[in-house]
Amino acid sequence: MRIFLTATLIVIALMLSSCTKQSDSSQPSKPKKMIVFTGIAPLKYLINQVGGDKIDVEAMVPPGGSPATWEPLPAQLAKLAHAPLYFTIGVPFEKQWIGTLIKNNPNTQFVPLQTGFKHRAIETLEKSTAKSPRTDPHSWLNPQDAIIMARAIKSYISLADPKNSVEYEKNCSNLVKKLKALDEKLEKELAPCAGKSILVFHPSYGYFCDRYHLTQIPIEIAGRKPSPQELSKVISLAKQKKIHTLLVQKQFSQTEAKTVAQAINGKVLSVNPLSENYMEMMQTISEAIRSECKK
């Protein structure tokens, strides 16, 4: 069924692309922005900051969508055919689709942004016995890693569009300054919380926690909902560590989160680590953690 759906989407995308080309041929040629694709909104922010008004950036996963289950739309596949660059981050839908996307877009360069820094494995409540633990893709939540990504983005879009490379260099320098200032601010704000644990539904905050000396305790186990026994362990651990706030995302079910919050006499707090407003998102995460530390 998935193979049939994938083939159908690709055929529709090619038809849309063909129609677009035919339509364009009857119109006077106009200067167009370079199209750049990525998977998620936080990366769209970084790319937009570097590219400015010279590029048109599209994130595959829309606001409210889940990178775990998203499937590209026909219109997105058609537009991707005109993009010289796609910056990947390794979220689940990309792993599912990347082979097909590369095969059907030979003129698009797919650039992995999870390079140049140390990777980490996704936490589970128990230590994993898997020979190859799942790599955590949420590296954008460490501003220091985001700086490395910004510089890589600048290099690749400069190669694709050399006539605007000076502007890209300037934009990247300004973004790096913003990210460094953000990192310093969060480091000071979260210093009193060092060594503390935070309770989360989905293990999104590993890179954030590593950077600011925190530990995340996830409810979700290896991409699935916890069993009653696993849920009981989470509740016991949260009580032991005196945690009263549980961070959730709207992309995931909150049923188990509410069960845990009730058991620990705590509250559920919705935070979106997939927001395009990167600076505000990072500050919101910091505020949520600091509010828990004060208790």
Protein backbone atom coordinates (compact mmCIF):
# COMPACT_ATOMS: atom_id res chain seq x y z
CA MET A 1 0.00 0.00 0.00
CA ARG A 2 2.83 2.43 0.91
CA ILE A 3 4.67 1.58 -2.33
CA PHE A 4 1.50 2.25 -4.36
CA LEU A 5 0.93 5.55 -2.54
CA THR A 6 4.54 6.61 -3.06
CA ALA A 7 4.39 5.81 -6.77
CA THR A 8 1.09 7.70 -7.12
CA LEU A 9 2.50 10.79 -5.39
CA ILE A 10 5.56 10.78 -7.63
CA VAL A 11 3.46 10.50 -10.81
CA ILE A 12 1.25 13.39 -9.68
CA ALA A 13 4.33 15.44 -8.80
CA LEU A 14 5.84 14.88 -12.24
CA MET A 15 2.57 15.89 -13.88
CA LEU A 16 2.43 19.08 -11.80
CA SER A 17 6.04 19.85 -12.62
CA SER A 18 5.39 19.33 -16.34
CA CYS A 19 2.34 21.58 -16.23
CA THR A 20 4.33 24.25 -14.44
CA LYS A 21 7.06 24.13 -17.08
CA GLN A 22 4.51 24.38 -19.92
CA SER A 23 2.82 27.32 -18.23
CA ASP A 24 6.14 29.04 -17.62
CA SER A 25 7.13 28.71 -21.29
CA SER A 26 4.27 31.01 -22.32
CA GLN A 27 5.24 33.65 -19.77
CA PRO A 28 8.10 36.16 -20.01
CA SER A 29 11.06 34.92 -17.99
CA LYS A 30 11.43 36.63 -14.63
CA PRO A 31 14.22 36.46 -12.06
CA LYS A 32 13.35 33.75 -9.55
CA LYS A 33 14.58 33.07 -6.06
CA MET A 34 16.61 29.94 -5.49
CA ILE A 35 14.38 27.24 -3.98
CA VAL A 36 15.80 25.47 -0.92
CA PHE A 37 14.09 22.60 0.88
CA THR A 38 14.45 21.19 4.36
CA GLY A 39 12.46 18.87 6.61
CA ILE A 40 11.38 20.95 9.59
CA ALA A 41 10.59 24.54 10.60
CA PRO A 42 13.58 25.23 12.92
CA LEU A 43 15.93 24.52 10.03
CA LYS A 44 13.78 26.70 7.79
CA TYR A 45 14.51 29.53 10.23
CA LEU A 46 18.27 28.98 10.03
CA ILE A 47 18.22 28.78 6.22
CA ASN A 48 16.04 31.89 5.92
CA GLN A 49 18.37 33.83 8.20
CA VAL A 50 21.35 32.96 6.02
CA GLY A 51 19.63 33.26 2.64
CA GLY A 52 17.55 36.34 3.36
CA ASP A 53 15.40 37.57 0.49
CA LYS A 54 17.50 35.76 -2.11
CA ILE A 55 15.97 32.34 -1.48
CA ASP A 56 12.59 30.63 -1.17
CA VAL A 57 12.69 28.10 1.68
CA GLU A 58 10.14 25.33 2.20
CA ALA A 59 9.93 22.89 5.11
CA MET A 60 8.31 19.58 4.23
CA VAL A 61 6.61 19.21 7.62
CA PRO A 62 4.05 22.02 8.14
CA PRO A 63 3.15 23.60 11.52
CA GLY A 64 1.44 20.96 13.64
CA GLY A 65 2.71 18.09 11.47
CA SER A 66 4.78 15.25 12.84
CA PRO A 67 8.26 14.48 11.43
CA ALA A 68 7.63 10.89 12.47
CA THR A 69 4.66 10.32 10.17
CA TRP A 70 4.66 13.06 7.52
CA GLU A 71 4.48 12.12 3.84
CA PRO A 72 5.42 14.74 1.21
CA LEU A 73 2.52 16.29 -0.70
CA PRO A 74 2.39 16.13 -4.52
CA ALA A 75 2.85 19.92 -4.72
CA GLN A 76 5.95 19.67 -2.51
CA LEU A 77 7.42 16.92 -4.68
CA ALA A 78 6.77 19.01 -7.80
CA LYS A 79 8.47 22.06 -6.28
CA LEU A 80 11.41 19.99 -5.05
CA ALA A 81 12.21 19.18 -8.69
CA HIS A 82 13.27 22.83 -9.07
CA ALA A 83 15.37 23.01 -5.88
CA PRO A 84 19.16 22.74 -6.10
CA LEU A 85 19.43 22.02 -2.34
CA TYR A 86 17.67 19.98 0.34
CA PHE A 87 19.12 20.16 3.87
CA THR A 88 18.36 16.99 5.85
CA ILE A 89 18.47 16.45 9.63
CA GLY A 90 17.60 12.76 9.94
CA VAL A 91 14.03 12.92 11.27
CA PRO A 92 12.03 9.70 10.71
CA PHE A 93 10.05 10.75 7.63
CA GLU A 94 13.31 11.71 5.88
CA LYS A 95 14.79 8.28 6.56
CA GLN A 96 11.66 6.73 5.06
CA TRP A 97 11.64 8.94 1.96
CA ILE A 98 15.26 9.94 1.34
CA GLY A 99 16.05 7.14 -1.13
CA THR A 100 13.00 7.94 -3.25
CA LEU A 101 13.64 11.69 -3.12
CA ILE A 102 17.26 11.31 -4.21
CA LYS A 103 16.36 8.90 -7.00
CA ASN A 104 13.67 11.19 -8.44
CA ASN A 105 15.58 14.47 -8.04
CA PRO A 106 19.01 13.96 -9.65
CA ASN A 107 19.59 17.72 -9.90
CA THR A 108 19.00 18.31 -6.18
CA GLN A 109 21.89 18.04 -3.74
CA PHE A 110 20.84 16.48 -0.43
CA VAL A 111 23.02 17.89 2.33
CA PRO A 112 23.06 16.25 5.80
CA LEU A 113 23.31 18.88 8.53
CA GLN A 114 24.07 16.41 11.32
CA THR A 115 27.80 16.66 10.71
CA GLY A 116 30.60 18.47 12.49
CA PHE A 117 29.46 17.72 16.03
CA LYS A 118 29.04 14.75 18.36
CA HIS A 119 25.91 12.67 17.86
CA ARG A 120 23.96 11.12 20.70
CA ALA A 121 21.59 8.18 21.07
CA ILE A 122 17.95 8.68 22.02
CA GLU A 123 17.31 7.93 25.68
CA THR A 124 14.99 5.24 26.90
CA LEU A 125 13.99 4.55 30.50
CA GLU A 126 16.08 1.41 30.44
CA LYS A 127 19.50 1.14 28.83
CA SER A 128 19.12 -0.01 25.23
CA THR A 129 20.28 -3.51 24.32
CA ALA A 130 20.15 -2.75 20.60
CA LYS A 131 23.39 -3.16 18.66
CA SER A 132 22.72 0.15 16.90
CA PRO A 133 20.84 2.60 19.19
CA ARG A 134 18.71 5.16 17.35
CA THR A 135 20.55 8.41 16.68
CA ASP A 136 18.86 11.44 18.19
CA PRO A 137 18.04 13.89 15.35
CA HIS A 138 17.05 16.86 17.60
CA SER A 139 20.44 18.56 17.35
CA TRP A 140 18.99 21.97 16.47
CA LEU A 141 18.08 22.37 20.16
CA ASN A 142 21.73 23.00 21.02
CA PRO A 143 22.62 26.53 19.82
CA GLN A 144 26.27 25.54 19.45
CA ASP A 145 25.27 22.82 16.99
CA ALA A 146 22.92 25.27 15.27
CA ILE A 147 25.93 27.52 14.65
CA ILE A 148 27.72 24.65 12.90
CA MET A 149 24.60 24.07 10.80
CA ALA A 150 24.34 27.77 9.90
CA ARG A 151 27.91 27.79 8.60
CA ALA A 152 27.30 24.65 6.55
CA ILE A 153 24.12 26.19 5.11
CA LYS A 154 26.07 29.31 4.16
CA SER A 155 28.75 27.27 2.39
CA TYR A 156 26.33 25.22 0.31
CA ILE A 157 23.98 28.03 -0.74
CA SER A 158 27.04 30.14 -1.63
CA LEU A 159 28.26 27.36 -3.93
CA ALA A 160 24.80 27.08 -5.49
CA ASP A 161 24.42 30.86 -5.86
CA PRO A 162 27.94 32.37 -5.89
CA LYS A 163 26.84 35.81 -7.10
CA ASN A 164 25.20 36.43 -3.72
CA SER A 165 27.90 34.75 -1.59
CA VAL A 166 29.01 38.01 0.05
CA GLU A 167 25.48 38.63 1.31
CA TYR A 168 25.19 35.06 2.56
CA GLU A 169 28.45 35.44 4.45
CA LYS A 170 27.21 38.63 6.11
CA ASN A 171 23.85 37.09 7.01
CA CYS A 172 25.53 34.01 8.46
CA SER A 173 27.85 36.15 10.58
CA ASN A 174 24.85 38.02 12.01
CA LEU A 175 23.03 34.75 12.74
CA VAL A 176 26.05 33.28 14.50
CA LYS A 177 26.22 36.35 16.73
CA LYS A 178 22.54 35.91 17.64
CA LEU A 179 23.00 32.21 18.39
CA LYS A 180 26.07 32.85 20.54
CA ALA A 181 24.20 35.50 22.52
CA LEU A 182 21.26 33.12 22.96
CA ASP A 183 23.57 30.34 24.14
CA GLU A 184 25.26 32.59 26.70
CA LYS A 185 21.89 33.81 27.98
CA LEU A 186 20.48 30.30 28.37
CA GLU A 187 23.67 29.09 30.05
CA LYS A 188 23.35 31.78 32.72
CA GLU A 189 19.61 31.26 33.15
CA LEU A 190 19.88 27.50 33.50
CA ALA A 191 23.01 27.38 35.66
CA PRO A 192 20.94 26.98 38.88
CA CYS A 193 19.20 23.97 37.28
CA ALA A 194 22.42 22.07 36.46
CA GLY A 195 22.18 18.43 37.45
CA LYS A 196 18.37 18.43 37.49
CA SER A 197 16.11 16.08 35.55
CA ILE A 198 13.18 17.06 33.35
CA LEU A 199 10.21 14.84 32.52
CA VAL A 200 9.19 14.72 28.84
CA PHE A 201 6.81 12.67 26.74
CA HIS A 202 8.94 12.50 23.57
CA PRO A 203 12.75 12.52 24.03
CA SER A 204 13.35 15.72 22.05
CA TYR A 205 15.58 17.54 24.52
CA GLY A 206 18.74 15.44 24.67
CA TYR A 207 21.02 17.94 22.92
CA PHE A 208 19.52 20.80 24.92
CA CYS A 209 20.02 18.89 28.17
CA ASP A 210 23.59 17.89 27.30
CA ARG A 211 24.48 21.52 26.59
CA TYR A 212 23.03 22.88 29.83
CA HIS A 213 23.88 19.97 32.15
CA LEU A 214 20.40 18.51 32.52
CA THR A 215 18.91 15.03 32.09
CA GLN A 216 15.66 14.16 30.33
CA ILE A 217 13.39 11.33 31.46
CA PRO A 218 11.16 10.24 28.53
CA ILE A 219 7.77 8.58 28.78
CA GLU A 220 7.80 7.41 25.16
CA ILE A 221 9.90 4.25 24.79
CA ALA A 222 11.75 3.68 21.49
CA GLY A 223 9.07 5.52 19.50
CA ARG A 224 6.12 3.74 21.09
CA LYS A 225 3.75 4.34 23.99
CA PRO A 226 4.88 2.89 27.32
CA SER A 227 3.44 -0.29 28.81
CA PRO A 228 1.69 -0.04 32.21
CA GLN A 229 4.87 -1.37 33.85
CA GLU A 230 7.04 1.21 32.08
CA LEU A 231 4.60 3.98 32.98
CA SER A 232 4.81 2.91 36.61
CA LYS A 233 8.61 3.17 36.50
CA VAL A 234 8.40 6.69 35.07
CA ILE A 235 6.00 7.75 37.83
CA SER A 236 8.23 6.28 40.55
CA LEU A 237 11.30 8.01 39.12
CA ALA A 238 9.51 11.34 38.83
CA LYS A 239 8.35 11.12 42.45
CA GLN A 240 11.85 10.19 43.57
CA LYS A 241 13.32 13.22 41.81
CA LYS A 242 10.43 15.44 42.91
CA ILE A 243 9.47 16.46 39.38
CA HIS A 244 6.09 18.19 38.99
CA THR A 245 6.10 19.38 35.36
CA LEU A 246 5.86 17.24 32.25
CA LEU A 247 6.78 18.70 28.84
CA VAL A 248 4.65 17.52 25.91
CA GLN A 249 4.28 18.31 22.20
CA LYS A 250 1.02 18.74 20.35
CA GLN A 251 2.28 16.30 17.70
CA PHE A 252 1.92 13.43 20.19
CA SER A 253 -0.90 11.95 22.26
CA GLN A 254 -1.17 13.42 25.75
CA THR A 255 -3.16 10.58 27.33
CA GLU A 256 -0.19 8.96 29.08
CA ALA A 257 1.25 12.36 29.95
CA LYS A 258 -1.93 13.33 31.78
CA THR A 259 -1.90 10.01 33.64
CA VAL A 260 1.64 10.64 34.84
CA ALA A 261 0.93 14.27 35.74
CA GLN A 262 -2.04 13.23 37.85
CA ALA A 263 -0.01 10.53 39.60
CA ILE A 264 2.78 12.95 40.56
CA ASN A 265 0.40 15.77 41.41
CA GLY A 266 1.94 17.82 38.63
CA LYS A 267 1.00 19.61 35.44
CA VAL A 268 1.35 19.09 31.70
CA LEU A 269 3.08 21.91 29.84
CA SER A 270 2.95 22.07 26.03
CA VAL A 271 6.19 23.19 24.38
CA ASN A 272 6.92 23.08 20.66
CA PRO A 273 10.53 22.19 19.76
CA LEU A 274 9.53 22.32 16.08
CA SER A 275 8.68 26.02 15.98
CA GLU A 276 9.99 28.21 13.18
CA ASN A 277 10.45 31.03 15.69
CA TYR A 278 13.73 29.54 16.90
CA MET A 279 14.79 32.20 19.39
CA GLU A 280 11.39 32.34 21.09
CA MET A 281 11.17 28.54 21.13
CA MET A 282 14.52 28.17 22.90
CA GLN A 283 13.58 30.81 25.45
CA THR A 284 10.24 29.08 26.10
CA ILE A 285 12.01 25.76 26.78
CA SER A 286 14.36 27.51 29.19
CA GLU A 287 11.49 29.19 31.02
CA ALA A 288 9.62 25.89 31.36
CA ILE A 289 12.65 24.18 32.89
CA ARG A 290 13.45 27.10 35.20
CA SER A 291 9.88 27.15 36.49
CA GLU A 292 10.29 23.48 37.47
CA CYS A 293 13.65 24.12 39.14
CA LYS A 294 12.16 26.77 41.42
CA LYS A 295 9.75 24.27 42.98
